[in-house]
Amino acid sequence: MPGLSGLELLGRVRQRFPNTPVIIISGIGDQEHAQGLIKLGAFDFLLKPFTLEVVEKSVKRALEYRRRLLEASESEERNREGKPDEMILGDWKIVRKEPG
């Protein structure tokens, strides 16, 4: 990437948009390199050359992860607004009933 390494880009994206899943695509096949990027916040690491099927699976997982983060954030917001009627946690929807 001209002018910016993948590691630098990952850092910038994570700082500005911490809830955005970042998928790294690299030609460096070193396992330690990949694990280091994951530890620094990359959502996934794809090694070149790759198939479109691999990219599709990674993007679907990233979108699902982001959807769940948004649902959890919305649930927290409802709780802060005094509407703790339901909370979404992963695949579970928890509904609270008022006593009485």
PDB file of N, CA and C in Angstrom:
ATOM      1  N   MET A   1       0.856  -1.172   0.000  1.00  0.00           N
ATOM      2  CA  MET A   1       0.000   0.000   0.000  1.00  0.00           C
ATOM      3  C   MET A   1       0.906   1.242   0.000  1.00  0.00           C
ATOM      4  N   PRO A   2       0.821   2.061  -1.002  1.00  0.00           N
ATOM      5  CA  PRO A   2       1.692   3.226  -1.104  1.00  0.00           C
ATOM      6  C   PRO A   2       1.499   4.211   0.053  1.00  0.00           C
ATOM      7  N   GLY A   3       2.597   4.557   0.701  1.00  0.00           N
ATOM      8  CA  GLY A   3       2.583   5.585   1.735  1.00  0.00           C
ATOM      9  C   GLY A   3       2.082   5.148   3.096  1.00  0.00           C
ATOM     10  N   LEU A   4       1.543   3.952   3.207  1.00  0.00           N
ATOM     11  CA  LEU A   4       0.983   3.511   4.474  1.00  0.00           C
ATOM     12  C   LEU A   4       1.017   1.984   4.523  1.00  0.00           C
ATOM     13  N   SER A   5       1.574   1.451   5.575  1.00  0.00           N
ATOM     14  CA  SER A   5       1.600  -0.006   5.699  1.00  0.00           C
ATOM     15  C   SER A   5       0.242  -0.509   6.189  1.00  0.00           C
ATOM     16  N   GLY A   6      -0.008  -1.797   5.991  1.00  0.00           N
ATOM     17  CA  GLY A   6      -1.252  -2.386   6.480  1.00  0.00           C
ATOM     18  C   GLY A   6      -1.388  -2.242   7.987  1.00  0.00           C
ATOM     19  N   LEU A   7      -0.272  -2.363   8.682  1.00  0.00           N
ATOM     20  CA  LEU A   7      -0.277  -2.219  10.136  1.00  0.00           C
ATOM     21  C   LEU A   7      -0.662  -0.797  10.543  1.00  0.00           C
ATOM     22  N   GLU A   8      -0.115   0.195   9.831  1.00  0.00           N
ATOM     23  CA  GLU A   8      -0.455   1.593  10.129  1.00  0.00           C
ATOM     24  C   GLU A   8      -1.932   1.868   9.829  1.00  0.00           C
ATOM     25  N   LEU A   9      -2.398   1.327   8.710  1.00  0.00           N
ATOM     26  CA  LEU A   9      -3.810   1.511   8.355  1.00  0.00           C
ATOM     27  C   LEU A   9      -4.718   0.871   9.400  1.00  0.00           C
ATOM     28  N   LEU A  10      -4.379  -0.339   9.834  1.00  0.00           N
ATOM     29  CA  LEU A  10      -5.146  -1.010  10.886  1.00  0.00           C
ATOM     30  C   LEU A  10      -5.220  -0.134  12.132  1.00  0.00           C
ATOM     31  N   GLY A  11      -4.091   0.420  12.542  1.00  0.00           N
ATOM     32  CA  GLY A  11      -4.066   1.285  13.723  1.00  0.00           C
ATOM     33  C   GLY A  11      -4.962   2.500  13.574  1.00  0.00           C
ATOM     34  N   ARG A  12      -4.916   3.122  12.414  1.00  0.00           N
ATOM     35  CA  ARG A  12      -5.746   4.314  12.183  1.00  0.00           C
ATOM     36  C   ARG A  12      -7.232   3.976  12.177  1.00  0.00           C
ATOM     37  N   VAL A  13      -7.585   2.895  11.504  1.00  0.00           N
ATOM     38  CA  VAL A  13      -8.997   2.505  11.470  1.00  0.00           C
ATOM     39  C   VAL A  13      -9.479   2.159  12.871  1.00  0.00           C
ATOM     40  N   ARG A  14      -8.700   1.406  13.620  1.00  0.00           N
ATOM     41  CA  ARG A  14      -9.092   1.013  14.980  1.00  0.00           C
ATOM     42  C   ARG A  14      -9.244   2.234  15.890  1.00  0.00           C
ATOM     43  N   GLN A  15      -8.421   3.272  15.690  1.00  0.00           N
ATOM     44  CA  GLN A  15      -8.537   4.490  16.493  1.00  0.00           C
ATOM     45  C   GLN A  15      -9.792   5.273  16.151  1.00  0.00           C
ATOM     46  N   ARG A  16     -10.050   5.457  14.863  1.00  0.00           N
ATOM     47  CA  ARG A  16     -11.188   6.274  14.437  1.00  0.00           C
ATOM     48  C   ARG A  16     -12.513   5.541  14.496  1.00  0.00           C
ATOM     49  N   PHE A  17     -12.482   4.235  14.201  1.00  0.00           N
ATOM     50  CA  PHE A  17     -13.711   3.443  14.132  1.00  0.00           C
ATOM     51  C   PHE A  17     -13.502   2.118  14.873  1.00  0.00           C
ATOM     52  N   PRO A  18     -13.444   2.157  16.194  1.00  0.00           N
ATOM     53  CA  PRO A  18     -13.065   0.959  16.963  1.00  0.00           C
ATOM     54  C   PRO A  18     -14.001  -0.237  16.795  1.00  0.00           C
ATOM     55  N   ASN A  19     -15.232  -0.023  16.369  1.00  0.00           N
ATOM     56  CA  ASN A  19     -16.173  -1.138  16.217  1.00  0.00           C
ATOM     57  C   ASN A  19     -16.260  -1.663  14.786  1.00  0.00           C
ATOM     58  N   THR A  20     -15.404  -1.160  13.921  1.00  0.00           N
ATOM     59  CA  THR A  20     -15.403  -1.602  12.528  1.00  0.00           C
ATOM     60  C   THR A  20     -14.461  -2.793  12.372  1.00  0.00           C
ATOM     61  N   PRO A  21     -14.988  -3.931  11.927  1.00  0.00           N
ATOM     62  CA  PRO A  21     -14.121  -5.089  11.708  1.00  0.00           C
ATOM     63  C   PRO A  21     -13.187  -4.838  10.520  1.00  0.00           C
ATOM     64  N   VAL A  22     -11.909  -5.105  10.709  1.00  0.00           N
ATOM     65  CA  VAL A  22     -10.912  -4.896   9.668  1.00  0.00           C
ATOM     66  C   VAL A  22     -10.391  -6.256   9.214  1.00  0.00           C
ATOM     67  N   ILE A  23     -10.493  -6.501   7.915  1.00  0.00           N
ATOM     68  CA  ILE A  23      -9.984  -7.736   7.325  1.00  0.00           C
ATOM     69  C   ILE A  23      -8.685  -7.401   6.604  1.00  0.00           C
ATOM     70  N   ILE A  24      -7.597  -8.005   7.021  1.00  0.00           N
ATOM     71  CA  ILE A  24      -6.289  -7.778   6.416  1.00  0.00           C
ATOM     72  C   ILE A  24      -6.060  -8.809   5.316  1.00  0.00           C
ATOM     73  N   ILE A  25      -5.623  -8.338   4.162  1.00  0.00           N
ATOM     74  CA  ILE A  25      -5.239  -9.218   3.056  1.00  0.00           C
ATOM     75  C   ILE A  25      -3.757  -8.984   2.823  1.00  0.00           C
ATOM     76  N   SER A  26      -2.975 -10.060   2.870  1.00  0.00           N
ATOM     77  CA  SER A  26      -1.523  -9.915   2.779  1.00  0.00           C
ATOM     78  C   SER A  26      -0.906 -11.059   1.999  1.00  0.00           C
ATOM     79  N   GLY A  27       0.245 -10.786   1.459  1.00  0.00           N
ATOM     80  CA  GLY A  27       1.019 -11.811   0.787  1.00  0.00           C
ATOM     81  C   GLY A  27       2.080 -12.401   1.694  1.00  0.00           C
ATOM     82  N   ILE A  28       2.159 -11.907   2.923  1.00  0.00           N
ATOM     83  CA  ILE A  28       3.136 -12.407   3.895  1.00  0.00           C
ATOM     84  C   ILE A  28       2.516 -13.586   4.626  1.00  0.00           C
ATOM     85  N   GLY A  29       3.063 -14.778   4.402  1.00  0.00           N
ATOM     86  CA  GLY A  29       2.472 -15.991   4.945  1.00  0.00           C
ATOM     87  C   GLY A  29       2.990 -16.402   6.305  1.00  0.00           C
ATOM     88  N   ASP A  30       3.616 -15.490   7.010  1.00  0.00           N
ATOM     89  CA  ASP A  30       4.170 -15.792   8.327  1.00  0.00           C
ATOM     90  C   ASP A  30       3.057 -15.855   9.371  1.00  0.00           C
ATOM     91  N   GLN A  31       2.946 -16.988  10.057  1.00  0.00           N
ATOM     92  CA  GLN A  31       1.894 -17.193  11.064  1.00  0.00           C
ATOM     93  C   GLN A  31       1.999 -16.176  12.200  1.00  0.00           C
ATOM     94  N   GLU A  32       3.211 -15.856  12.615  1.00  0.00           N
ATOM     95  CA  GLU A  32       3.393 -14.881  13.703  1.00  0.00           C
ATOM     96  C   GLU A  32       2.911 -13.493  13.273  1.00  0.00           C
ATOM     97  N   HIS A  33       3.164 -13.150  12.016  1.00  0.00           N
ATOM     98  CA  HIS A  33       2.700 -11.864  11.477  1.00  0.00           C
ATOM     99  C   HIS A  33       1.169 -11.795  11.540  1.00  0.00           C
ATOM    100  N   ALA A  34       0.527 -12.860  11.091  1.00  0.00           N
ATOM    101  CA  ALA A  34      -0.940 -12.905  11.100  1.00  0.00           C
ATOM    102  C   ALA A  34      -1.481 -12.822  12.524  1.00  0.00           C
ATOM    103  N   GLN A  35      -0.901 -13.597  13.432  1.00  0.00           N
ATOM    104  CA  GLN A  35      -1.364 -13.578  14.825  1.00  0.00           C
ATOM    105  C   GLN A  35      -1.141 -12.208  15.460  1.00  0.00           C
ATOM    106  N   GLY A  36      -0.046 -11.557  15.121  1.00  0.00           N
ATOM    107  CA  GLY A  36       0.224 -10.220  15.643  1.00  0.00           C
ATOM    108  C   GLY A  36      -0.823  -9.224  15.194  1.00  0.00           C
ATOM    109  N   LEU A  37      -1.225  -9.298  13.921  1.00  0.00           N
ATOM    110  CA  LEU A  37      -2.253  -8.389  13.409  1.00  0.00           C
ATOM    111  C   LEU A  37      -3.600  -8.646  14.075  1.00  0.00           C
ATOM    112  N   ILE A  38      -3.917  -9.909  14.310  1.00  0.00           N
ATOM    113  CA  ILE A  38      -5.172 -10.243  15.008  1.00  0.00           C
ATOM    114  C   ILE A  38      -5.130  -9.683  16.427  1.00  0.00           C
ATOM    115  N   LYS A  39      -4.007  -9.833  17.103  1.00  0.00           N
ATOM    116  CA  LYS A  39      -3.875  -9.299  18.469  1.00  0.00           C
ATOM    117  C   LYS A  39      -3.999  -7.789  18.498  1.00  0.00           C
ATOM    118  N   LEU A  40      -3.603  -7.132  17.404  1.00  0.00           N
ATOM    119  CA  LEU A  40      -3.695  -5.671  17.328  1.00  0.00           C
ATOM    120  C   LEU A  40      -5.075  -5.184  16.900  1.00  0.00           C
ATOM    121  N   GLY A  41      -5.986  -6.123  16.665  1.00  0.00           N
ATOM    122  CA  GLY A  41      -7.359  -5.717  16.405  1.00  0.00           C
ATOM    123  C   GLY A  41      -7.920  -6.071  15.047  1.00  0.00           C
ATOM    124  N   ALA A  42      -7.139  -6.739  14.190  1.00  0.00           N
ATOM    125  CA  ALA A  42      -7.694  -7.160  12.903  1.00  0.00           C
ATOM    126  C   ALA A  42      -8.755  -8.223  13.156  1.00  0.00           C
ATOM    127  N   PHE A  43      -9.846  -8.144  12.439  1.00  0.00           N
ATOM    128  CA  PHE A  43     -10.919  -9.126  12.590  1.00  0.00           C
ATOM    129  C   PHE A  43     -10.529 -10.450  11.955  1.00  0.00           C
ATOM    130  N   ASP A  44      -9.861 -10.375  10.808  1.00  0.00           N
ATOM    131  CA  ASP A  44      -9.464 -11.587  10.088  1.00  0.00           C
ATOM    132  C   ASP A  44      -8.223 -11.285   9.270  1.00  0.00           C
ATOM    133  N   PHE A  45      -7.547 -12.346   8.860  1.00  0.00           N
ATOM    134  CA  PHE A  45      -6.331 -12.245   8.068  1.00  0.00           C
ATOM    135  C   PHE A  45      -6.457 -13.221   6.908  1.00  0.00           C
ATOM    136  N   LEU A  46      -6.417 -12.691   5.684  1.00  0.00           N
ATOM    137  CA  LEU A  46      -6.514 -13.533   4.495  1.00  0.00           C
ATOM    138  C   LEU A  46      -5.183 -13.493   3.765  1.00  0.00           C
ATOM    139  N   LEU A  47      -4.714 -14.656   3.398  1.00  0.00           N
ATOM    140  CA  LEU A  47      -3.429 -14.777   2.719  1.00  0.00           C
ATOM    141  C   LEU A  47      -3.643 -14.844   1.212  1.00  0.00           C
ATOM    142  N   LYS A  48      -2.869 -14.051   0.476  1.00  0.00           N
ATOM    143  CA  LYS A  48      -2.894 -14.108  -0.981  1.00  0.00           C
ATOM    144  C   LYS A  48      -2.140 -15.351  -1.434  1.00  0.00           C
ATOM    145  N   PRO A  49      -2.511 -15.969  -2.515  1.00  0.00           N
ATOM    146  CA  PRO A  49      -3.763 -15.781  -3.245  1.00  0.00           C
ATOM    147  C   PRO A  49      -4.919 -16.399  -2.460  1.00  0.00           C
ATOM    148  N   PHE A  50      -6.097 -15.884  -2.665  1.00  0.00           N
ATOM    149  CA  PHE A  50      -7.279 -16.366  -1.956  1.00  0.00           C
ATOM    150  C   PHE A  50      -8.399 -16.568  -2.954  1.00  0.00           C
ATOM    151  N   THR A  51      -9.403 -17.314  -2.544  1.00  0.00           N
ATOM    152  CA  THR A  51     -10.573 -17.515  -3.387  1.00  0.00           C
ATOM    153  C   THR A  51     -11.663 -16.537  -2.956  1.00  0.00           C
ATOM    154  N   LEU A  52     -12.579 -16.267  -3.844  1.00  0.00           N
ATOM    155  CA  LEU A  52     -13.698 -15.392  -3.496  1.00  0.00           C
ATOM    156  C   LEU A  52     -14.555 -16.007  -2.398  1.00  0.00           C
ATOM    157  N   GLU A  53     -14.592 -17.332  -2.338  1.00  0.00           N
ATOM    158  CA  GLU A  53     -15.349 -18.007  -1.275  1.00  0.00           C
ATOM    159  C   GLU A  53     -14.775 -17.664   0.100  1.00  0.00           C
ATOM    160  N   VAL A  54     -13.466 -17.624   0.210  1.00  0.00           N
ATOM    161  CA  VAL A  54     -12.818 -17.283   1.478  1.00  0.00           C
ATOM    162  C   VAL A  54     -13.141 -15.839   1.855  1.00  0.00           C
ATOM    163  N   VAL A  55     -13.092 -14.940   0.883  1.00  0.00           N
ATOM    164  CA  VAL A  55     -13.413 -13.528   1.142  1.00  0.00           C
ATOM    165  C   VAL A  55     -14.872 -13.393   1.557  1.00  0.00           C
ATOM    166  N   GLU A  56     -15.751 -14.080   0.855  1.00  0.00           N
ATOM    167  CA  GLU A  56     -17.177 -14.010   1.164  1.00  0.00           C
ATOM    168  C   GLU A  56     -17.462 -14.471   2.595  1.00  0.00           C
ATOM    169  N   LYS A  57     -16.845 -15.572   3.007  1.00  0.00           N
ATOM    170  CA  LYS A  57     -17.055 -16.073   4.372  1.00  0.00           C
ATOM    171  C   LYS A  57     -16.548 -15.075   5.408  1.00  0.00           C
ATOM    172  N   SER A  58     -15.385 -14.496   5.150  1.00  0.00           N
ATOM    173  CA  SER A  58     -14.820 -13.539   6.090  1.00  0.00           C
ATOM    174  C   SER A  58     -15.695 -12.291   6.201  1.00  0.00           C
ATOM    175  N   VAL A  59     -16.160 -11.787   5.067  1.00  0.00           N
ATOM    176  CA  VAL A  59     -17.011 -10.590   5.072  1.00  0.00           C
ATOM    177  C   VAL A  59     -18.340 -10.886   5.760  1.00  0.00           C
ATOM    178  N   LYS A  60     -18.931 -12.040   5.512  1.00  0.00           N
ATOM    179  CA  LYS A  60     -20.189 -12.403   6.188  1.00  0.00           C
ATOM    180  C   LYS A  60     -19.997 -12.450   7.702  1.00  0.00           C
ATOM    181  N   ARG A  61     -18.896 -13.051   8.152  1.00  0.00           N
ATOM    182  CA  ARG A  61     -18.622 -13.105   9.589  1.00  0.00           C
ATOM    183  C   ARG A  61     -18.432 -11.703  10.159  1.00  0.00           C
ATOM    184  N   ALA A  62     -17.730 -10.840   9.422  1.00  0.00           N
ATOM    185  CA  ALA A  62     -17.504  -9.463   9.879  1.00  0.00           C
ATOM    186  C   ALA A  62     -18.819  -8.689   9.961  1.00  0.00           C
ATOM    187  N   LEU A  63     -19.681  -8.862   8.973  1.00  0.00           N
ATOM    188  CA  LEU A  63     -20.982  -8.185   9.000  1.00  0.00           C
ATOM    189  C   LEU A  63     -21.848  -8.672  10.153  1.00  0.00           C
ATOM    190  N   GLU A  64     -21.825  -9.964  10.416  1.00  0.00           N
ATOM    191  CA  GLU A  64     -22.589 -10.521  11.535  1.00  0.00           C
ATOM    192  C   GLU A  64     -22.059  -9.985  12.864  1.00  0.00           C
ATOM    193  N   TYR A  65     -20.749  -9.927  12.989  1.00  0.00           N
ATOM    194  CA  TYR A  65     -20.116  -9.378  14.190  1.00  0.00           C
ATOM    195  C   TYR A  65     -20.561  -7.924  14.393  1.00  0.00           C
ATOM    196  N   ARG A  66     -20.515  -7.133  13.325  1.00  0.00           N
ATOM    197  CA  ARG A  66     -20.900  -5.722  13.416  1.00  0.00           C
ATOM    198  C   ARG A  66     -22.377  -5.584  13.764  1.00  0.00           C
ATOM    199  N   ARG A  67     -23.232  -6.441  13.176  1.00  0.00           N
ATOM    200  CA  ARG A  67     -24.662  -6.408  13.480  1.00  0.00           C
ATOM    201  C   ARG A  67     -24.895  -6.659  14.965  1.00  0.00           C
ATOM    202  N   ARG A  68     -24.189  -7.633  15.510  1.00  0.00           N
ATOM    203  CA  ARG A  68     -24.358  -7.950  16.933  1.00  0.00           C
ATOM    204  C   ARG A  68     -23.876  -6.809  17.821  1.00  0.00           C
ATOM    205  N   LEU A  69     -22.790  -6.163  17.427  1.00  0.00           N
ATOM    206  CA  LEU A  69     -22.324  -5.000  18.191  1.00  0.00           C
ATOM    207  C   LEU A  69     -23.370  -3.898  18.195  1.00  0.00           C
ATOM    208  N   LEU A  70     -23.970  -3.644  17.045  1.00  0.00           N
ATOM    209  CA  LEU A  70     -24.998  -2.605  16.956  1.00  0.00           C
ATOM    210  C   LEU A  70     -26.224  -2.961  17.787  1.00  0.00           C
ATOM    211  N   GLU A  71     -26.623  -4.229  17.758  1.00  0.00           N
ATOM    212  CA  GLU A  71     -27.772  -4.653  18.567  1.00  0.00           C
ATOM    213  C   GLU A  71     -27.478  -4.479  20.057  1.00  0.00           C
ATOM    214  N   ALA A  72     -26.277  -4.843  20.462  1.00  0.00           N
ATOM    215  CA  ALA A  72     -25.909  -4.688  21.877  1.00  0.00           C
ATOM    216  C   ALA A  72     -25.885  -3.218  22.263  1.00  0.00           C
ATOM    217  N   SER A  73     -25.388  -2.376  21.375  1.00  0.00           N
ATOM    218  CA  SER A  73     -25.343  -0.939  21.635  1.00  0.00           C
ATOM    219  C   SER A  73     -26.751  -0.360  21.747  1.00  0.00           C
ATOM    220  N   GLU A  74     -27.648  -0.785  20.867  1.00  0.00           N
ATOM    221  CA  GLU A  74     -29.037  -0.321  20.918  1.00  0.00           C
ATOM    222  C   GLU A  74     -29.720  -0.773  22.200  1.00  0.00           C
ATOM    223  N   SER A  75     -29.433  -1.994  22.622  1.00  0.00           N
ATOM    224  CA  SER A  75     -30.008  -2.510  23.859  1.00  0.00           C
ATOM    225  C   SER A  75     -29.517  -1.704  25.058  1.00  0.00           C
ATOM    226  N   GLU A  76     -28.223  -1.397  25.069  1.00  0.00           N
ATOM    227  CA  GLU A  76     -27.668  -0.580  26.157  1.00  0.00           C
ATOM    228  C   GLU A  76     -28.303   0.799  26.170  1.00  0.00           C
ATOM    229  N   GLU A  77     -28.524   1.368  24.982  1.00  0.00           N
ATOM    230  CA  GLU A  77     -29.142   2.692  24.879  1.00  0.00           C
ATOM    231  C   GLU A  77     -30.568   2.666  25.435  1.00  0.00           C
ATOM    232  N   ARG A  78     -31.327   1.615  25.104  1.00  0.00           N
ATOM    233  CA  ARG A  78     -32.687   1.492  25.650  1.00  0.00           C
ATOM    234  C   ARG A  78     -32.636   1.396  27.170  1.00  0.00           C
ATOM    235  N   ASN A  79     -31.663   0.671  27.694  1.00  0.00           N
ATOM    236  CA  ASN A  79     -31.545   0.539  29.147  1.00  0.00           C
ATOM    237  C   ASN A  79     -31.222   1.885  29.790  1.00  0.00           C
ATOM    238  N   ARG A  80     -30.368   2.677  29.147  1.00  0.00           N
ATOM    239  CA  ARG A  80     -30.031   4.004  29.688  1.00  0.00           C
ATOM    240  C   ARG A  80     -31.229   4.938  29.633  1.00  0.00           C
ATOM    241  N   GLU A  81     -32.101   4.753  28.660  1.00  0.00           N
ATOM    242  CA  GLU A  81     -33.287   5.593  28.518  1.00  0.00           C
ATOM    243  C   GLU A  81     -34.416   5.141  29.430  1.00  0.00           C
ATOM    244  N   GLY A  82     -34.160   4.123  30.244  1.00  0.00           N
ATOM    245  CA  GLY A  82     -35.188   3.644  31.158  1.00  0.00           C
ATOM    246  C   GLY A  82     -36.162   2.687  30.526  1.00  0.00           C
ATOM    247  N   LYS A  83     -35.759   2.050  29.444  1.00  0.00           N
ATOM    248  CA  LYS A  83     -36.618   1.076  28.773  1.00  0.00           C
ATOM    249  C   LYS A  83     -35.941  -0.292  28.779  1.00  0.00           C
ATOM    250  N   PRO A  84     -35.707  -0.830  29.955  1.00  0.00           N
ATOM    251  CA  PRO A  84     -34.996  -2.107  30.025  1.00  0.00           C
ATOM    252  C   PRO A  84     -35.893  -3.324  29.779  1.00  0.00           C
ATOM    253  N   ASP A  85     -36.784  -3.218  28.765  1.00  0.00           N
ATOM    254  CA  ASP A  85     -37.722  -4.298  28.514  1.00  0.00           C
ATOM    255  C   ASP A  85     -37.088  -5.490  27.817  1.00  0.00           C
ATOM    256  N   GLU A  86     -36.017  -5.257  27.053  1.00  0.00           N
ATOM    257  CA  GLU A  86     -35.371  -6.371  26.394  1.00  0.00           C
ATOM    258  C   GLU A  86     -33.895  -6.066  26.173  1.00  0.00           C
ATOM    259  N   MET A  87     -33.139  -7.122  26.040  1.00  0.00           N
ATOM    260  CA  MET A  87     -31.718  -6.979  25.798  1.00  0.00           C
ATOM    261  C   MET A  87     -31.314  -8.098  24.849  1.00  0.00           C
ATOM    262  N   ILE A  88     -30.503  -7.785  23.863  1.00  0.00           N
ATOM    263  CA  ILE A  88     -30.032  -8.800  22.931  1.00  0.00           C
ATOM    264  C   ILE A  88     -28.586  -9.108  23.273  1.00  0.00           C
ATOM    265  N   LEU A  89     -28.308 -10.381  23.478  1.00  0.00           N
ATOM    266  CA  LEU A  89     -26.977 -10.826  23.824  1.00  0.00           C
ATOM    267  C   LEU A  89     -26.638 -11.996  22.917  1.00  0.00           C
ATOM    268  N   GLY A  90     -25.834 -11.727  21.897  1.00  0.00           N
ATOM    269  CA  GLY A  90     -25.520 -12.777  20.937  1.00  0.00           C
ATOM    270  C   GLY A  90     -26.774 -13.223  20.223  1.00  0.00           C
ATOM    271  N   ASP A  91     -27.039 -14.504  20.246  1.00  0.00           N
ATOM    272  CA  ASP A  91     -28.236 -15.046  19.602  1.00  0.00           C
ATOM    273  C   ASP A  91     -29.448 -15.033  20.525  1.00  0.00           C
ATOM    274  N   TRP A  92     -29.279 -14.556  21.750  1.00  0.00           N
ATOM    275  CA  TRP A  92     -30.351 -14.608  22.740  1.00  0.00           C
ATOM    276  C   TRP A  92     -31.016 -13.254  22.894  1.00  0.00           C
ATOM    277  N   LYS A  93     -32.310 -13.280  22.936  1.00  0.00           N
ATOM    278  CA  LYS A  93     -33.085 -12.077  23.221  1.00  0.00           C
ATOM    279  C   LYS A  93     -33.697 -12.256  24.597  1.00  0.00           C
ATOM    280  N   ILE A  94     -33.358 -11.389  25.515  1.00  0.00           N
ATOM    281  CA  ILE A  94     -33.817 -11.492  26.892  1.00  0.00           C
ATOM    282  C   ILE A  94     -34.885 -10.434  27.100  1.00  0.00           C
ATOM    283  N   VAL A  95     -36.067 -10.840  27.480  1.00  0.00           N
ATOM    284  CA  VAL A  95     -37.188  -9.935  27.698  1.00  0.00           C
ATOM    285  C   VAL A  95     -37.514  -9.934  29.178  1.00  0.00           C
ATOM    286  N   ARG A  96     -37.531  -8.730  29.756  1.00  0.00           N
ATOM    287  CA  ARG A  96     -37.873  -8.612  31.177  1.00  0.00           C
ATOM    288  C   ARG A  96     -39.338  -8.221  31.309  1.00  0.00           C
ATOM    289  N   LYS A  97     -40.023  -8.875  32.237  1.00  0.00           N
ATOM    290  CA  LYS A  97     -41.418  -8.539  32.484  1.00  0.00           C
ATOM    291  C   LYS A  97     -41.497  -7.761  33.784  1.00  0.00           C
ATOM    292  N   GLU A  98     -42.332  -6.756  33.764  1.00  0.00           N
ATOM    293  CA  GLU A  98     -42.576  -5.951  34.955  1.00  0.00           C
ATOM    294  C   GLU A  98     -43.332  -6.798  35.970  1.00  0.00           C
ATOM    295  N   PRO A  99     -42.979  -6.719  37.252  1.00  0.00           N
ATOM    296  CA  PRO A  99     -43.744  -7.469  38.261  1.00  0.00           C
ATOM    297  C   PRO A  99     -45.161  -6.907  38.384  1.00  0.00           C
ATOM    298  N   GLY A 100     -46.084  -7.823  38.643  1.00  0.00           N
ATOM    299  CA  GLY A 100     -47.400  -7.364  38.958  1.00  0.00           C
ATOM    300  C   GLY A 100     -48.417  -7.675  37.970  1.00  0.00           C
TER     301      GLY A 100
END
